[in-house]
C-alpha atoms as a PDB file:
ATOM      1  CA  UNK A   1    -119.768  -0.834  -1.591  1.00  0.00           C
ATOM      2  CA  UNK A   2    -117.461  -2.219  -4.492  1.00  0.00           C
ATOM      3  CA  UNK A   3    -118.813  -2.265  -7.631  1.00  0.00           C
ATOM      4  CA  UNK A   4    -118.547  -5.724  -9.650  1.00  0.00           C
ATOM      5  CA  UNK A   5    -119.163  -6.042 -13.397  1.00  0.00           C
ATOM      6  CA  UNK A   6    -120.110  -8.988 -15.348  1.00  0.00           C
ATOM      7  CA  UNK A   7    -119.256  -9.398 -18.821  1.00  0.00           C
ATOM      8  CA  UNK A   8    -122.773 -10.521 -20.300  1.00  0.00           C
ATOM      9  CA  UNK A   9    -121.780 -11.610 -23.954  1.00  0.00           C
ATOM     10  CA  UNK A  10    -118.173 -12.927 -23.515  1.00  0.00           C
ATOM     11  CA  UNK A  11    -117.697 -13.612 -27.295  1.00  0.00           C
ATOM     12  CA  UNK A  12    -118.736 -10.131 -28.404  1.00  0.00           C
ATOM     13  CA  UNK A  13    -116.178  -8.967 -25.720  1.00  0.00           C
ATOM     14  CA  UNK A  14    -113.497 -11.049 -26.864  1.00  0.00           C
ATOM     15  CA  UNK A  15    -114.101 -10.295 -30.560  1.00  0.00           C
ATOM     16  CA  UNK A  16    -114.115  -6.424 -29.439  1.00  0.00           C
ATOM     17  CA  UNK A  17    -110.604  -6.823 -28.023  1.00  0.00           C
ATOM     18  CA  UNK A  18    -109.238  -8.867 -30.893  1.00  0.00           C
ATOM     19  CA  UNK A  19    -110.195  -6.052 -33.089  1.00  0.00           C
ATOM     20  CA  UNK A  20    -108.561  -3.324 -31.383  1.00  0.00           C
ATOM     21  CA  UNK A  21    -105.537  -5.234 -30.826  1.00  0.00           C
ATOM     22  CA  UNK A  22    -105.043  -5.771 -34.727  1.00  0.00           C
ATOM     23  CA  UNK A  23    -105.906  -1.989 -35.240  1.00  0.00           C
ATOM     24  CA  UNK A  24    -103.140  -1.041 -32.992  1.00  0.00           C
ATOM     25  CA  UNK A  25    -100.890  -3.298 -34.281  1.00  0.00           C
ATOM     26  CA  UNK A  26    -101.815  -2.316 -37.824  1.00  0.00           C
ATOM     27  CA  UNK A  27    -101.627   1.784 -36.854  1.00  0.00           C
ATOM     28  CA  UNK A  28     -97.804   0.807 -35.326  1.00  0.00           C
ATOM     29  CA  UNK A  29     -97.000  -0.670 -38.527  1.00  0.00           C
ATOM     30  CA  UNK A  30     -98.073   2.338 -40.914  1.00  0.00           C
ATOM     31  CA  UNK A  31     -96.347   4.716 -38.496  1.00  0.00           C
ATOM     32  CA  UNK A  32     -93.164   2.710 -38.648  1.00  0.00           C
ATOM     33  CA  UNK A  33     -93.321   2.578 -42.314  1.00  0.00           C
ATOM     34  CA  UNK A  34     -94.106   6.313 -43.056  1.00  0.00           C
ATOM     35  CA  UNK A  35     -91.357   6.813 -40.512  1.00  0.00           C
ATOM     36  CA  UNK A  36     -89.241   4.841 -42.770  1.00  0.00           C
ATOM     37  CA  UNK A  37     -89.983   6.669 -46.161  1.00  0.00           C
ATOM     38  CA  UNK A  38     -89.744   9.907 -44.640  1.00  0.00           C
ATOM     39  CA  UNK A  39     -86.116   9.074 -43.249  1.00  0.00           C
ATOM     40  CA  UNK A  40     -85.300   7.422 -46.888  1.00  0.00           C
ATOM     41  CA  UNK A  41     -84.383   3.860 -45.262  1.00  0.00           C
ATOM     42  CA  UNK A  42     -87.189   1.973 -46.966  1.00  0.00           C
ATOM     43  CA  UNK A  43     -89.217   2.063 -50.348  1.00  0.00           C
ATOM     44  CA  UNK A  44     -85.864   2.007 -52.886  1.00  0.00           C
ATOM     45  CA  UNK A  45     -86.966   1.674 -56.289  1.00  0.00           C
ATOM     46  CA  UNK A  46     -84.117  -0.745 -58.404  1.00  0.00           C
ATOM     47  CA  UNK A  47     -83.899  -0.801 -62.423  1.00  0.00           C
ATOM     48  CA  UNK A  48     -81.979  -3.952 -63.473  1.00  0.00           C
ATOM     49  CA  UNK A  49     -79.079  -3.938 -65.862  1.00  0.00           C
ATOM     50  CA  UNK A  50     -77.501  -6.857 -67.271  1.00  0.00           C
ATOM     51  CA  UNK A  51     -73.638  -6.734 -67.156  1.00  0.00           C
ATOM     52  CA  UNK A  52     -72.066  -7.085 -70.358  1.00  0.00           C
ATOM     53  CA  UNK A  53     -69.005  -8.193 -71.433  1.00  0.00           C
ATOM     54  CA  UNK A  54     -66.459  -5.801 -70.900  1.00  0.00           C
ATOM     55  CA  UNK A  55     -68.532  -3.731 -68.509  1.00  0.00           C
ATOM     56  CA  UNK A  56     -66.866  -2.081 -65.750  1.00  0.00           C
ATOM     57  CA  UNK A  57     -69.070  -0.445 -62.576  1.00  0.00           C
ATOM     58  CA  UNK A  58     -67.828   3.055 -63.635  1.00  0.00           C
ATOM     59  CA  UNK A  59     -69.159   2.798 -67.193  1.00  0.00           C
ATOM     60  CA  UNK A  60     -72.343   1.632 -65.719  1.00  0.00           C
ATOM     61  CA  UNK A  61     -72.479   4.145 -62.681  1.00  0.00           C
ATOM     62  CA  UNK A  62     -71.761   6.765 -65.743  1.00  0.00           C
ATOM     63  CA  UNK A  63     -75.029   5.786 -67.607  1.00  0.00           C
ATOM     64  CA  UNK A  64     -76.996   6.418 -64.449  1.00  0.00           C
ATOM     65  CA  UNK A  65     -79.106   9.998 -65.003  1.00  0.00           C
ATOM     66  CA  UNK A  66     -78.194  11.473 -62.099  1.00  0.00           C
ATOM     67  CA  UNK A  67     -76.068  14.648 -61.019  1.00  0.00           C
ATOM     68  CA  UNK A  68     -74.655  12.840 -58.340  1.00  0.00           C
ATOM     69  CA  UNK A  69     -71.055  12.180 -57.876  1.00  0.00           C
ATOM     70  CA  UNK A  70     -69.841   8.844 -59.903  1.00  0.00           C
ATOM     71  CA  UNK A  71     -68.060   7.707 -57.019  1.00  0.00           C
ATOM     72  CA  UNK A  72     -71.092   7.859 -54.623  1.00  0.00           C
ATOM     73  CA  UNK A  73     -73.330   5.954 -57.550  1.00  0.00           C
ATOM     74  CA  UNK A  74     -70.412   3.339 -57.780  1.00  0.00           C
ATOM     75  CA  UNK A  75     -70.443   2.593 -53.770  1.00  0.00           C
ATOM     76  CA  UNK A  76     -73.988   2.391 -54.161  1.00  0.00           C
ATOM     77  CA  UNK A  77     -74.223  -0.137 -56.843  1.00  0.00           C
ATOM     78  CA  UNK A  78     -71.900  -2.178 -54.509  1.00  0.00           C
ATOM     79  CA  UNK A  79     -73.795  -1.896 -51.280  1.00  0.00           C
ATOM     80  CA  UNK A  80     -77.009  -3.002 -53.124  1.00  0.00           C
ATOM     81  CA  UNK A  81     -75.696  -5.920 -55.008  1.00  0.00           C
ATOM     82  CA  UNK A  82     -73.398  -6.755 -52.157  1.00  0.00           C
ATOM     83  CA  UNK A  83     -69.951  -6.538 -54.387  1.00  0.00           C
ATOM     84  CA  UNK A  84     -67.114  -6.038 -52.461  1.00  0.00           C
ATOM     85  CA  UNK A  85     -64.796  -5.423 -55.197  1.00  0.00           C
ATOM     86  CA  UNK A  86     -65.504  -4.073 -58.982  1.00  0.00           C
ATOM     87  CA  UNK A  87     -63.770  -7.397 -60.187  1.00  0.00           C
ATOM     88  CA  UNK A  88     -66.448  -9.291 -59.157  1.00  0.00           C
ATOM     89  CA  UNK A  89     -69.097  -8.511 -61.740  1.00  0.00           C
ATOM     90  CA  UNK A  90     -69.441 -10.870 -64.871  1.00  0.00           C
ATOM     91  CA  UNK A  91     -71.409 -10.820 -68.139  1.00  0.00           C
ATOM     92  CA  UNK A  92     -75.090 -11.989 -67.658  1.00  0.00           C
ATOM     93  CA  UNK A  93     -74.968 -10.721 -63.990  1.00  0.00           C
ATOM     94  CA  UNK A  94     -77.918  -8.562 -63.346  1.00  0.00           C
ATOM     95  CA  UNK A  95     -77.587  -5.681 -61.287  1.00  0.00           C
ATOM     96  CA  UNK A  96     -79.948  -3.412 -59.330  1.00  0.00           C
ATOM     97  CA  UNK A  97     -79.523  -0.216 -60.197  1.00  0.00           C
ATOM     98  CA  UNK A  98     -80.708   2.538 -57.349  1.00  0.00           C
ATOM     99  CA  UNK A  99     -83.333   5.351 -59.162  1.00  0.00           C
ATOM    100  CA  UNK A 100     -82.820   7.895 -56.370  1.00  0.00           C
ATOM    101  CA  UNK A 101     -79.500   9.225 -55.497  1.00  0.00           C
END
């Protein structure tokens, strides 16, 4: 004999399935965010620096309080701000300077 099930309260069933789906998606998103944070791919924090007349990227990078090589800091600043060459900074431009290296 085959057993059949009847859904008595269809609305409650649909709400339950919806809630479980939202919880599942939320858990997946949290796991992804935690994974990105642990691997260093996300949640970067930046300071803003307004370029003054005569500023060069090397000088700006030298002001960053870090034990990291200045060349790496310059490269990071260029990457974060989509700068292809040092010649493309100008007075009044606001640069994002990463806190972590």
